[in-house]
C-alpha atoms as a PDB file:
ATOM      1  CA  MET A   1     -80.592 -25.266   0.707  1.00  0.00           C
ATOM      2  CA  PHE A   2     -77.561 -26.882   2.185  1.00  0.00           C
ATOM      3  CA  LYS A   3     -74.355 -24.951   1.767  1.00  0.00           C
ATOM      4  CA  PRO A   4     -71.085 -26.611   2.569  1.00  0.00           C
ATOM      5  CA  LEU A   5     -68.961 -24.988   5.202  1.00  0.00           C
ATOM      6  CA  ILE A   6     -65.505 -24.281   3.880  1.00  0.00           C
ATOM      7  CA  CYS A   7     -62.874 -23.615   6.471  1.00  0.00           C
ATOM      8  CA  PHE A   8     -59.443 -22.180   5.842  1.00  0.00           C
ATOM      9  CA  PHE A   9     -56.653 -23.042   8.232  1.00  0.00           C
ATOM     10  CA  LEU A  10     -53.470 -21.007   8.075  1.00  0.00           C
ATOM     11  CA  PHE A  11     -50.285 -22.452   9.461  1.00  0.00           C
ATOM     12  CA  TRP A  12     -47.107 -20.437  10.031  1.00  0.00           C
ATOM     13  CA  ILE A  13     -43.985 -22.456   9.649  1.00  0.00           C
ATOM     14  CA  GLY A  14     -41.014 -20.753  11.221  1.00  0.00           C
ATOM     15  CA  SER A  15     -37.346 -21.473  10.937  1.00  0.00           C
ATOM     16  CA  ASN A  16     -35.625 -23.395  13.719  1.00  0.00           C
ATOM     17  CA  ALA A  17     -32.282 -21.830  12.860  1.00  0.00           C
ATOM     18  CA  GLU A  18     -30.658 -19.438  15.300  1.00  0.00           C
ATOM     19  CA  GLN A  19     -30.602 -15.888  13.948  1.00  0.00           C
ATOM     20  CA  TYR A  20     -27.505 -13.746  13.597  1.00  0.00           C
ATOM     21  CA  THR A  21     -26.367 -10.365  12.339  1.00  0.00           C
ATOM     22  CA  ASN A  22     -23.111  -9.313  10.750  1.00  0.00           C
ATOM     23  CA  PRO A  23     -20.393  -8.800  11.741  1.00  0.00           C
ATOM     24  CA  ILE A  24     -19.729 -12.121  13.434  1.00  0.00           C
ATOM     25  CA  ALA A  25     -16.442 -10.729  14.843  1.00  0.00           C
ATOM     26  CA  TYR A  26     -14.962  -7.248  15.117  1.00  0.00           C
ATOM     27  CA  ASN A  27     -11.290  -6.509  14.436  1.00  0.00           C
ATOM     28  CA  ALA A  28     -10.880  -9.834  12.649  1.00  0.00           C
ATOM     29  CA  PRO A  29      -9.513  -9.460   9.112  1.00  0.00           C
ATOM     30  CA  ASP A  30      -8.633 -12.403   6.853  1.00  0.00           C
ATOM     31  CA  PRO A  31     -11.076 -14.797   8.545  1.00  0.00           C
ATOM     32  CA  TRP A  32     -11.111 -18.579   8.302  1.00  0.00           C
ATOM     33  CA  LEU A  33     -13.979 -20.464   9.937  1.00  0.00           C
ATOM     34  CA  GLN A  34     -14.528 -24.191  10.515  1.00  0.00           C
ATOM     35  CA  TYR A  35     -17.433 -26.061  12.109  1.00  0.00           C
ATOM     36  CA  TYR A  36     -16.256 -29.148  13.960  1.00  0.00           C
ATOM     37  CA  LYS A  37     -17.889 -31.427  16.533  1.00  0.00           C
ATOM     38  CA  GLY A  38     -20.543 -28.935  17.593  1.00  0.00           C
ATOM     39  CA  TYR A  39     -18.495 -25.728  17.563  1.00  0.00           C
ATOM     40  CA  TYR A  40     -17.462 -22.929  15.218  1.00  0.00           C
ATOM     41  CA  TYR A  41     -13.776 -22.010  15.235  1.00  0.00           C
ATOM     42  CA  LEU A  42     -12.792 -18.616  13.818  1.00  0.00           C
ATOM     43  CA  VAL A  43      -9.185 -17.615  13.259  1.00  0.00           C
ATOM     44  CA  ALA A  44      -8.039 -14.277  11.807  1.00  0.00           C
ATOM     45  CA  THR A  45      -5.085 -11.957  11.262  1.00  0.00           C
ATOM     46  CA  THR A  46      -3.608 -10.367  14.403  1.00  0.00           C
ATOM     47  CA  TRP A  47      -0.530  -8.356  13.232  1.00  0.00           C
ATOM     48  CA  THR A  48       1.295  -9.834  16.281  1.00  0.00           C
ATOM     49  CA  ASN A  49       3.341 -12.996  16.962  1.00  0.00           C
ATOM     50  CA  GLN A  50       0.291 -14.849  18.291  1.00  0.00           C
ATOM     51  CA  VAL A  51      -2.632 -16.769  16.818  1.00  0.00           C
ATOM     52  CA  GLY A  52      -6.033 -16.602  18.493  1.00  0.00           C
ATOM     53  CA  ILE A  53      -9.151 -18.706  17.921  1.00  0.00           C
ATOM     54  CA  ARG A  54     -12.727 -17.730  18.777  1.00  0.00           C
ATOM     55  CA  LYS A  55     -14.903 -20.739  19.693  1.00  0.00           C
ATOM     56  CA  ALA A  56     -18.720 -20.829  19.940  1.00  0.00           C
ATOM     57  CA  SER A  57     -21.558 -23.313  19.547  1.00  0.00           C
ATOM     58  CA  LYS A  58     -23.683 -20.783  17.593  1.00  0.00           C
ATOM     59  CA  LEU A  59     -22.644 -18.435  14.816  1.00  0.00           C
ATOM     60  CA  ASN A  60     -24.245 -15.519  16.655  1.00  0.00           C
ATOM     61  CA  GLN A  61     -22.068 -16.173  19.715  1.00  0.00           C
ATOM     62  CA  LEU A  62     -18.749 -15.619  17.968  1.00  0.00           C
ATOM     63  CA  VAL A  63     -19.034 -11.837  18.212  1.00  0.00           C
ATOM     64  CA  ASN A  64     -18.662 -12.067  22.005  1.00  0.00           C
ATOM     65  CA  ALA A  65     -16.361 -15.098  22.124  1.00  0.00           C
ATOM     66  CA  GLU A  66     -12.911 -14.763  23.666  1.00  0.00           C
ATOM     67  CA  ASN A  67     -10.035 -14.755  21.183  1.00  0.00           C
ATOM     68  CA  THR A  68      -8.020 -17.469  22.929  1.00  0.00           C
ATOM     69  CA  ILE A  69      -4.298 -17.557  22.127  1.00  0.00           C
ATOM     70  CA  VAL A  70      -3.396 -21.045  20.857  1.00  0.00           C
ATOM     71  CA  TYR A  71       0.046 -20.456  19.353  1.00  0.00           C
ATOM     72  CA  THR A  72       2.946 -18.045  19.831  1.00  0.00           C
ATOM     73  CA  PHE A  73       5.820 -18.009  17.371  1.00  0.00           C
ATOM     74  CA  ASP A  74       9.249 -16.429  17.050  1.00  0.00           C
ATOM     75  CA  GLY A  75       8.591 -13.562  14.671  1.00  0.00           C
ATOM     76  CA  HIS A  76       5.961 -10.908  14.021  1.00  0.00           C
ATOM     77  CA  THR A  77       3.057  -9.618  11.936  1.00  0.00           C
ATOM     78  CA  LEU A  78       0.834 -12.667  11.615  1.00  0.00           C
ATOM     79  CA  TRP A  79      -1.373 -12.615   8.510  1.00  0.00           C
ATOM     80  CA  ALA A  80      -3.988 -14.940   7.031  1.00  0.00           C
ATOM     81  CA  PRO A  81      -4.058 -17.957   9.368  1.00  0.00           C
ATOM     82  CA  GLU A  82      -6.057 -21.041   8.393  1.00  0.00           C
ATOM     83  CA  ILE A  83      -6.719 -24.332  10.193  1.00  0.00           C
ATOM     84  CA  HIS A  84      -7.239 -27.633   8.335  1.00  0.00           C
ATOM     85  CA  ILE A  85      -7.777 -31.088   9.793  1.00  0.00           C
ATOM     86  CA  ILE A  86      -5.612 -33.657   7.987  1.00  0.00           C
ATOM     87  CA  ASP A  87      -5.172 -37.272   9.122  1.00  0.00           C
ATOM     88  CA  GLY A  88      -6.694 -36.571  12.528  1.00  0.00           C
ATOM     89  CA  ARG A  89      -4.669 -33.488  13.424  1.00  0.00           C
ATOM     90  CA  TRP A  90      -5.206 -29.789  12.872  1.00  0.00           C
ATOM     91  CA  TYR A  91      -2.616 -27.829  10.931  1.00  0.00           C
ATOM     92  CA  LEU A  92      -2.241 -24.081  11.210  1.00  0.00           C
ATOM     93  CA  PHE A  93      -1.027 -22.390   8.028  1.00  0.00           C
ATOM     94  CA  TYR A  94       0.007 -18.748   8.312  1.00  0.00           C
ATOM     95  CA  SER A  95       2.160 -15.933   6.929  1.00  0.00           C
ATOM     96  CA  ALA A  96       4.586 -14.093   9.180  1.00  0.00           C
ATOM     97  CA  CYS A  97       7.927 -12.309   9.307  1.00  0.00           C
ATOM     98  CA  ALA A  98      11.100 -13.553  10.944  1.00  0.00           C
ATOM     99  CA  PRO A  99      12.536 -11.739  13.970  1.00  0.00           C
ATOM    100  CA  ASN A 100      14.488  -8.538  13.360  1.00  0.00           C
ATOM    101  CA  THR A 101      12.784  -7.770  10.055  1.00  0.00           C
ATOM    102  CA  GLU A 102      10.738  -4.662   9.362  1.00  0.00           C
ATOM    103  CA  ASP A 103       9.391  -4.405   5.829  1.00  0.00           C
ATOM    104  CA  VAL A 104       6.107  -6.337   5.354  1.00  0.00           C
ATOM    105  CA  ALA A 105       7.717  -7.939   2.297  1.00  0.00           C
ATOM    106  CA  CYS A 106       9.485 -10.159   4.830  1.00  0.00           C
ATOM    107  CA  HIS A 107       6.386 -12.370   4.979  1.00  0.00           C
ATOM    108  CA  ARG A 108       6.828 -16.069   4.283  1.00  0.00           C
ATOM    109  CA  ASN A 109       4.500 -19.050   4.687  1.00  0.00           C
ATOM    110  CA  HIS A 110       4.728 -21.491   7.596  1.00  0.00           C
ATOM    111  CA  VAL A 111       2.809 -24.354   9.219  1.00  0.00           C
ATOM    112  CA  ALA A 112       2.275 -25.537  12.800  1.00  0.00           C
ATOM    113  CA  GLN A 113       0.671 -28.777  14.032  1.00  0.00           C
ATOM    114  CA  SER A 114      -1.845 -29.361  16.822  1.00  0.00           C
ATOM    115  CA  ALA A 115      -1.236 -31.858  19.597  1.00  0.00           C
ATOM    116  CA  SER A 116      -4.500 -33.694  18.832  1.00  0.00           C
ATOM    117  CA  ASP A 117      -7.791 -33.331  16.969  1.00  0.00           C
ATOM    118  CA  ASP A 118      -8.691 -30.313  19.122  1.00  0.00           C
ATOM    119  CA  PRO A 119      -8.691 -27.133  16.974  1.00  0.00           C
ATOM    120  CA  MET A 120      -7.767 -25.134  20.094  1.00  0.00           C
ATOM    121  CA  GLY A 121      -4.338 -26.751  20.093  1.00  0.00           C
ATOM    122  CA  PRO A 122      -1.814 -26.335  21.508  1.00  0.00           C
ATOM    123  CA  TYR A 123       0.210 -25.959  18.292  1.00  0.00           C
ATOM    124  CA  THR A 124       3.909 -26.445  17.683  1.00  0.00           C
ATOM    125  CA  PHE A 125       5.964 -25.187  14.762  1.00  0.00           C
ATOM    126  CA  MET A 126       6.501 -27.734  11.991  1.00  0.00           C
ATOM    127  CA  ALA A 127       8.086 -26.117   8.920  1.00  0.00           C
ATOM    128  CA  ASP A 128       8.816 -23.100   6.796  1.00  0.00           C
ATOM    129  CA  LEU A 129       7.007 -23.535   3.502  1.00  0.00           C
ATOM    130  CA  ASP A 130       9.138 -21.204   1.397  1.00  0.00           C
ATOM    131  CA  ASP A 131      12.207 -22.071  -0.645  1.00  0.00           C
ATOM    132  CA  PRO A 132      15.445 -21.318   1.262  1.00  0.00           C
ATOM    133  CA  ASN A 133      17.064 -19.801  -1.823  1.00  0.00           C
ATOM    134  CA  ASP A 134      14.021 -17.758  -2.814  1.00  0.00           C
ATOM    135  CA  GLN A 135      13.864 -14.401  -1.060  1.00  0.00           C
ATOM    136  CA  ASN A 136      10.634 -13.190  -2.631  1.00  0.00           C
ATOM    137  CA  PHE A 137       7.589 -12.051  -0.682  1.00  0.00           C
ATOM    138  CA  GLU A 138       4.960 -14.793  -0.310  1.00  0.00           C
ATOM    139  CA  LEU A 139       1.859 -15.007   1.792  1.00  0.00           C
ATOM    140  CA  ASP A 140      -1.650 -16.360   2.419  1.00  0.00           C
ATOM    141  CA  PRO A 141      -1.147 -20.135   2.356  1.00  0.00           C
ATOM    142  CA  SER A 142      -4.066 -22.500   1.934  1.00  0.00           C
ATOM    143  CA  TYR A 143      -4.340 -26.258   1.465  1.00  0.00           C
ATOM    144  CA  ILE A 144      -6.321 -28.339  -0.988  1.00  0.00           C
ATOM    145  CA  PHE A 145      -6.803 -31.998  -1.947  1.00  0.00           C
ATOM    146  CA  ILE A 146      -7.327 -32.765  -5.634  1.00  0.00           C
ATOM    147  CA  ASN A 147      -7.839 -36.367  -6.740  1.00  0.00           C
ATOM    148  CA  GLY A 148      -6.297 -37.596  -3.500  1.00  0.00           C
ATOM    149  CA  ASN A 149      -3.150 -35.478  -3.845  1.00  0.00           C
ATOM    150  CA  GLN A 150      -2.178 -32.602  -1.565  1.00  0.00           C
ATOM    151  CA  TYR A 151      -1.267 -29.105  -2.668  1.00  0.00           C
ATOM    152  CA  LEU A 152      -0.244 -25.844  -1.029  1.00  0.00           C
ATOM    153  CA  LEU A 153      -1.769 -22.700  -2.493  1.00  0.00           C
ATOM    154  CA  GLY A 154      -0.340 -19.252  -1.987  1.00  0.00           C
ATOM    155  CA  SER A 155       0.325 -15.757  -3.232  1.00  0.00           C
ATOM    156  CA  TYR A 156       3.793 -14.860  -4.524  1.00  0.00           C
ATOM    157  CA  ILE A 157       5.378 -11.519  -5.400  1.00  0.00           C
ATOM    158  CA  PRO A 158       8.612 -11.744  -7.387  1.00  0.00           C
ATOM    159  CA  ASP A 159       7.549  -8.649  -9.351  1.00  0.00           C
ATOM    160  CA  VAL A 160       3.792  -8.572  -9.898  1.00  0.00           C
ATOM    161  CA  GLN A 161       1.702 -10.505  -7.399  1.00  0.00           C
ATOM    162  CA  ASN A 162       0.583 -13.891  -8.680  1.00  0.00           C
ATOM    163  CA  LEU A 163      -0.909 -17.157  -7.452  1.00  0.00           C
ATOM    164  CA  TYR A 164       0.871 -20.481  -7.077  1.00  0.00           C
ATOM    165  CA  ILE A 165       0.188 -24.147  -6.405  1.00  0.00           C
ATOM    166  CA  ARG A 166       2.806 -26.556  -5.015  1.00  0.00           C
ATOM    167  CA  PRO A 167       2.680 -30.346  -4.551  1.00  0.00           C
ATOM    168  CA  MET A 168       3.014 -31.606  -0.983  1.00  0.00           C
ATOM    169  CA  ALA A 169       3.704 -35.031   0.531  1.00  0.00           C
ATOM    170  CA  ASN A 170       2.011 -33.858   3.733  1.00  0.00           C
ATOM    171  CA  PRO A 171       1.180 -30.464   5.268  1.00  0.00           C
ATOM    172  CA  TYR A 172       4.818 -29.734   6.111  1.00  0.00           C
ATOM    173  CA  THR A 173       6.776 -31.393   3.275  1.00  0.00           C
ATOM    174  CA  PRO A 174       6.840 -29.896  -0.243  1.00  0.00           C
ATOM    175  CA  THR A 175       7.657 -32.371  -3.004  1.00  0.00           C
ATOM    176  CA  GLY A 176       8.139 -30.010  -5.914  1.00  0.00           C
ATOM    177  CA  ALA A 177       8.551 -26.430  -7.030  1.00  0.00           C
ATOM    178  CA  LYS A 178       5.850 -23.779  -7.199  1.00  0.00           C
ATOM    179  CA  ARG A 179       3.776 -23.693 -10.374  1.00  0.00           C
ATOM    180  CA  PHE A 180       2.156 -20.422 -11.295  1.00  0.00           C
ATOM    181  CA  TRP A 181      -1.339 -19.790 -12.535  1.00  0.00           C
ATOM    182  CA  GLN A 182      -1.735 -17.297 -15.325  1.00  0.00           C
ATOM    183  CA  VAL A 183      -3.665 -14.896 -13.118  1.00  0.00           C
ATOM    184  CA  ARG A 184      -1.941 -11.659 -13.933  1.00  0.00           C
ATOM    185  CA  PRO A 185      -3.361  -8.314 -12.824  1.00  0.00           C
ATOM    186  CA  THR A 186      -5.597  -6.479 -15.258  1.00  0.00           C
ATOM    187  CA  THR A 187      -7.114  -3.027 -15.034  1.00  0.00           C
ATOM    188  CA  GLY A 188     -10.541  -1.581 -14.480  1.00  0.00           C
ATOM    189  CA  LYS A 189     -12.759  -1.174 -11.441  1.00  0.00           C
ATOM    190  CA  ASN A 190     -14.370  -4.584 -11.841  1.00  0.00           C
ATOM    191  CA  ARG A 191     -11.220  -6.584 -12.476  1.00  0.00           C
ATOM    192  CA  GLU A 192      -7.991  -7.345 -10.660  1.00  0.00           C
ATOM    193  CA  ARG A 193      -5.351  -4.772 -10.087  1.00  0.00           C
ATOM    194  CA  THR A 194      -3.338  -7.141  -7.940  1.00  0.00           C
ATOM    195  CA  SER A 195      -4.236 -10.805  -7.555  1.00  0.00           C
ATOM    196  CA  THR A 196      -3.971 -12.008  -3.967  1.00  0.00           C
ATOM    197  CA  LYS A 197      -5.308 -14.419  -1.394  1.00  0.00           C
ATOM    198  CA  VAL A 198      -6.198 -17.949  -2.447  1.00  0.00           C
ATOM    199  CA  ARG A 199      -9.181 -19.841  -1.030  1.00  0.00           C
ATOM    200  CA  ASN A 200     -10.759 -23.110  -2.132  1.00  0.00           C
ATOM    201  CA  PRO A 201     -14.542 -23.543  -1.857  1.00  0.00           C
ATOM    202  CA  TYR A 202     -16.500 -26.711  -1.875  1.00  0.00           C
ATOM    203  CA  GLY A 203     -16.881 -27.945  -5.416  1.00  0.00           C
ATOM    204  CA  ARG A 204     -20.136 -29.424  -6.598  1.00  0.00           C
ATOM    205  CA  ASP A 205     -20.912 -32.228  -9.044  1.00  0.00           C
ATOM    206  CA  GLY A 206     -17.207 -33.007  -9.302  1.00  0.00           C
ATOM    207  CA  LYS A 207     -16.146 -29.404  -9.959  1.00  0.00           C
ATOM    208  CA  ILE A 208     -13.175 -27.810  -8.205  1.00  0.00           C
ATOM    209  CA  PHE A 209     -12.753 -24.057  -7.788  1.00  0.00           C
ATOM    210  CA  VAL A 210     -10.169 -21.740  -6.322  1.00  0.00           C
ATOM    211  CA  VAL A 211     -11.535 -18.403  -5.178  1.00  0.00           C
ATOM    212  CA  TYR A 212      -8.994 -15.602  -4.873  1.00  0.00           C
ATOM    213  CA  SER A 213      -9.065 -12.010  -3.715  1.00  0.00           C
ATOM    214  CA  ALA A 214      -8.260  -9.326  -6.237  1.00  0.00           C
ATOM    215  CA  SER A 215      -7.345  -5.649  -6.271  1.00  0.00           C
ATOM    216  CA  TYR A 216      -5.580  -4.176  -3.243  1.00  0.00           C
ATOM    217  CA  CYS A 217      -6.937  -4.642   0.291  1.00  0.00           C
ATOM    218  CA  ASN A 218      -6.350  -0.945   0.934  1.00  0.00           C
ATOM    219  CA  THR A 219      -9.083  -0.060  -1.552  1.00  0.00           C
ATOM    220  CA  ALA A 220     -12.869  -0.334  -1.438  1.00  0.00           C
ATOM    221  CA  ASP A 221     -12.687  -2.372  -4.657  1.00  0.00           C
ATOM    222  CA  TYR A 222     -11.077  -5.412  -3.051  1.00  0.00           C
ATOM    223  CA  LYS A 223     -13.150  -8.324  -4.389  1.00  0.00           C
ATOM    224  CA  LEU A 224     -13.266 -12.037  -5.269  1.00  0.00           C
ATOM    225  CA  GLY A 225     -12.506 -13.817  -8.540  1.00  0.00           C
ATOM    226  CA  ILE A 226     -12.677 -17.509  -9.357  1.00  0.00           C
ATOM    227  CA  LEU A 227     -10.600 -20.178 -11.125  1.00  0.00           C
ATOM    228  CA  GLU A 228     -12.171 -23.426 -12.286  1.00  0.00           C
ATOM    229  CA  PHE A 229     -10.258 -26.690 -12.703  1.00  0.00           C
ATOM    230  CA  THR A 230     -11.122 -27.884 -16.195  1.00  0.00           C
ATOM    231  CA  GLY A 231      -8.355 -30.399 -16.948  1.00  0.00           C
ATOM    232  CA  THR A 232      -6.493 -33.268 -15.326  1.00  0.00           C
ATOM    233  CA  ASP A 233      -3.236 -31.771 -14.041  1.00  0.00           C
ATOM    234  CA  PRO A 234      -3.575 -29.179 -11.235  1.00  0.00           C
ATOM    235  CA  LEU A 235       0.057 -28.134 -11.769  1.00  0.00           C
ATOM    236  CA  ASP A 236      -0.592 -27.094 -15.380  1.00  0.00           C
ATOM    237  CA  SER A 237      -1.978 -23.553 -15.461  1.00  0.00           C
ATOM    238  CA  THR A 238      -3.692 -24.244 -18.796  1.00  0.00           C
ATOM    239  CA  HIS A 239      -5.916 -26.771 -16.981  1.00  0.00           C
ATOM    240  CA  TRP A 240      -7.498 -23.931 -15.005  1.00  0.00           C
ATOM    241  CA  TYR A 241     -10.039 -21.485 -16.422  1.00  0.00           C
ATOM    242  CA  LYS A 242     -10.124 -17.963 -15.065  1.00  0.00           C
ATOM    243  CA  HIS A 243     -13.690 -16.665 -15.112  1.00  0.00           C
ATOM    244  CA  PRO A 244     -13.504 -13.095 -16.401  1.00  0.00           C
ATOM    245  CA  ASP A 245     -15.871 -11.336 -14.004  1.00  0.00           C
ATOM    246  CA  PRO A 246     -15.707 -10.890 -10.236  1.00  0.00           C
ATOM    247  CA  ILE A 247     -18.097 -13.062  -8.262  1.00  0.00           C
ATOM    248  CA  PHE A 248     -18.294 -10.969  -5.071  1.00  0.00           C
ATOM    249  CA  GLN A 249     -17.620  -7.260  -4.704  1.00  0.00           C
ATOM    250  CA  ARG A 250     -18.510  -4.014  -2.941  1.00  0.00           C
ATOM    251  CA  SER A 251     -22.098  -2.998  -2.305  1.00  0.00           C
ATOM    252  CA  ASP A 252     -22.540   0.733  -2.023  1.00  0.00           C
ATOM    253  CA  ALA A 253     -26.244   0.211  -1.316  1.00  0.00           C
ATOM    254  CA  ASN A 254     -25.411  -1.938   1.736  1.00  0.00           C
ATOM    255  CA  LYS A 255     -22.355   0.124   2.701  1.00  0.00           C
ATOM    256  CA  VAL A 256     -20.014  -2.853   2.391  1.00  0.00           C
ATOM    257  CA  TYR A 257     -16.585  -2.090   0.964  1.00  0.00           C
ATOM    258  CA  GLY A 258     -13.617  -4.298   0.103  1.00  0.00           C
ATOM    259  CA  PRO A 259     -15.238  -7.709   0.724  1.00  0.00           C
ATOM    260  CA  GLY A 260     -12.524 -10.297   0.313  1.00  0.00           C
ATOM    261  CA  HIS A 261     -10.078 -12.789   1.817  1.00  0.00           C
ATOM    262  CA  ASN A 262     -12.728 -15.395   2.356  1.00  0.00           C
ATOM    263  CA  GLY A 263     -13.167 -18.941   3.558  1.00  0.00           C
ATOM    264  CA  PHE A 264     -15.947 -21.517   3.344  1.00  0.00           C
ATOM    265  CA  PHE A 265     -17.786 -23.731   5.808  1.00  0.00           C
ATOM    266  CA  ARG A 266     -20.774 -26.049   5.927  1.00  0.00           C
ATOM    267  CA  SER A 267     -23.814 -25.694   8.165  1.00  0.00           C
ATOM    268  CA  PRO A 268     -24.056 -28.042  11.178  1.00  0.00           C
ATOM    269  CA  ASP A 269     -26.591 -30.236   9.324  1.00  0.00           C
ATOM    270  CA  ASP A 270     -24.179 -30.389   6.343  1.00  0.00           C
ATOM    271  CA  ASN A 271     -26.854 -29.150   3.921  1.00  0.00           C
ATOM    272  CA  GLU A 272     -25.852 -25.505   3.421  1.00  0.00           C
ATOM    273  CA  ASP A 273     -22.784 -23.749   2.051  1.00  0.00           C
ATOM    274  CA  TRP A 274     -21.569 -20.568   3.722  1.00  0.00           C
ATOM    275  CA  ILE A 275     -18.900 -17.992   2.962  1.00  0.00           C
ATOM    276  CA  VAL A 276     -16.929 -16.069   5.587  1.00  0.00           C
ATOM    277  CA  TYR A 277     -15.067 -12.894   4.563  1.00  0.00           C
ATOM    278  CA  HIS A 278     -13.900  -9.550   5.855  1.00  0.00           C
ATOM    279  CA  ALA A 279     -15.108  -6.109   4.804  1.00  0.00           C
ATOM    280  CA  ASN A 280     -15.179  -2.470   5.824  1.00  0.00           C
ATOM    281  CA  SER A 281     -18.110  -0.170   6.499  1.00  0.00           C
ATOM    282  CA  ASP A 282     -16.585   2.830   4.782  1.00  0.00           C
ATOM    283  CA  GLU A 283     -14.455   3.372   1.684  1.00  0.00           C
ATOM    284  CA  SER A 284     -11.344   4.651   3.427  1.00  0.00           C
ATOM    285  CA  THR A 285     -10.586   2.119   6.203  1.00  0.00           C
ATOM    286  CA  GLY A 286      -8.323  -0.069   4.042  1.00  0.00           C
ATOM    287  CA  CYS A 287      -5.991  -2.825   5.320  1.00  0.00           C
ATOM    288  CA  THR A 288      -6.398  -2.274   9.037  1.00  0.00           C
ATOM    289  CA  MET A 289      -7.529  -4.295  12.028  1.00  0.00           C
ATOM    290  CA  GLU A 290     -10.868  -2.467  11.793  1.00  0.00           C
ATOM    291  CA  ARG A 291     -11.950  -4.948   9.140  1.00  0.00           C
ATOM    292  CA  SER A 292     -14.661  -7.205  10.539  1.00  0.00           C
ATOM    293  CA  SER A 293     -15.518 -10.837   9.835  1.00  0.00           C
ATOM    294  CA  ARG A 294     -18.876 -11.501   8.188  1.00  0.00           C
ATOM    295  CA  ALA A 295     -20.740 -14.594   7.007  1.00  0.00           C
ATOM    296  CA  GLN A 296     -23.626 -15.417   4.684  1.00  0.00           C
ATOM    297  CA  LYS A 297     -25.164 -18.418   2.978  1.00  0.00           C
ATOM    298  CA  TYR A 298     -24.579 -18.964  -0.745  1.00  0.00           C
ATOM    299  CA  THR A 299     -26.108 -21.123  -3.466  1.00  0.00           C
ATOM    300  CA  TRP A 300     -25.134 -22.625  -6.832  1.00  0.00           C
ATOM    301  CA  ASP A 301     -26.266 -21.997 -10.389  1.00  0.00           C
ATOM    302  CA  SER A 302     -27.261 -24.582 -13.000  1.00  0.00           C
ATOM    303  CA  ASN A 303     -23.660 -24.776 -14.241  1.00  0.00           C
ATOM    304  CA  GLY A 304     -22.328 -25.628 -10.791  1.00  0.00           C
ATOM    305  CA  LEU A 305     -20.829 -22.183 -10.112  1.00  0.00           C
ATOM    306  CA  PRO A 306     -21.195 -20.641  -6.657  1.00  0.00           C
ATOM    307  CA  ILE A 307     -23.537 -17.662  -6.359  1.00  0.00           C
ATOM    308  CA  PHE A 308     -22.435 -15.452  -3.482  1.00  0.00           C
ATOM    309  CA  GLY A 309     -24.861 -12.627  -4.227  1.00  0.00           C
ATOM    310  CA  GLU A 310     -24.401  -9.200  -2.700  1.00  0.00           C
ATOM    311  CA  PRO A 311     -22.559  -8.692   0.597  1.00  0.00           C
ATOM    312  CA  GLU A 312     -25.138  -8.185   3.315  1.00  0.00           C
ATOM    313  CA  ALA A 313     -25.568  -4.994   5.311  1.00  0.00           C
ATOM    314  CA  LEU A 314     -24.557  -4.833   8.952  1.00  0.00           C
ATOM    315  CA  GLY A 315     -27.205  -5.098  11.631  1.00  0.00           C
ATOM    316  CA  VAL A 316     -29.756  -7.005   9.526  1.00  0.00           C
ATOM    317  CA  THR A 317     -31.087 -10.213  11.080  1.00  0.00           C
ATOM    318  CA  TYR A 318     -30.818 -13.422   9.089  1.00  0.00           C
ATOM    319  CA  ASP A 319     -31.401 -17.099   9.793  1.00  0.00           C
ATOM    320  CA  GLY A 320     -28.189 -18.763  10.832  1.00  0.00           C
ATOM    321  CA  PRO A 321     -26.791 -22.056   9.547  1.00  0.00           C
ATOM    322  CA  ALA A 322     -29.263 -24.933   9.536  1.00  0.00           C
ATOM    323  CA  GLY A 323     -28.908 -27.506  12.271  1.00  0.00           C
ATOM    324  CA  GLU A 324     -27.731 -25.222  15.062  1.00  0.00           C
END
């Protein structure tokens, strides 16, 4: 009797992505990462009067990349630098203190401009972004476009730390006063104790979000919350909805503490969304230069909200961004 021969062929399909492990950079708190023309550019807090950028063609190469100084300013204690390309030039937004000041509450927001479309600069000072008659502590500037209009985002501390948005004609010219979001600190381990650090992710399906860090960076409970633009006027705080629960927080199982002060970038093939953030590997390190930069891919839920998941453990190998 004839019996058919049935053959089974097994094919293994591997990933072409380069693999990486966290951290992607040591001693690099408050990270901001951009992928541009074949390279990753990572900028982070230095606590000095200089800004450095790490450049690499692969995410896994950043950990050994030189932190090249691209800008030196007259002042001290650089915090939270970001680079944004606007109208063909890169702009460096940062917080720093003026010369001959000591208390960290001397921080104000500033912007410098690159000489060309090269993220490595050089950069020259353009403007102070604070109000001359306002002596309150402000920090962590970011920049966002909404419906074709430009806005500066920041953190402001007249009494209790809060978040603000300010209309801009261009990256160095404010056109109106700060408007404050109703993001006041609340209590409890899983909610804000002090709202800080503003970051804007990629929206999806027309949605716009602002992700902010919450609690105090000196604690293991530093985390991320999210605001969603639900109206028509970005300057009206009632047109923003504050989601009540944190969207990214500590993982005791993975020994990741205080994950916060994040940024966002797209994979080289422009098909994946990634988050970059800093964190500590123990509960007591706090707001020091020991914080390391880390990255991981994130997804979206059916309502168009980002899903960041749990912060990944150090030393675990993952597929890097698609298209490397």
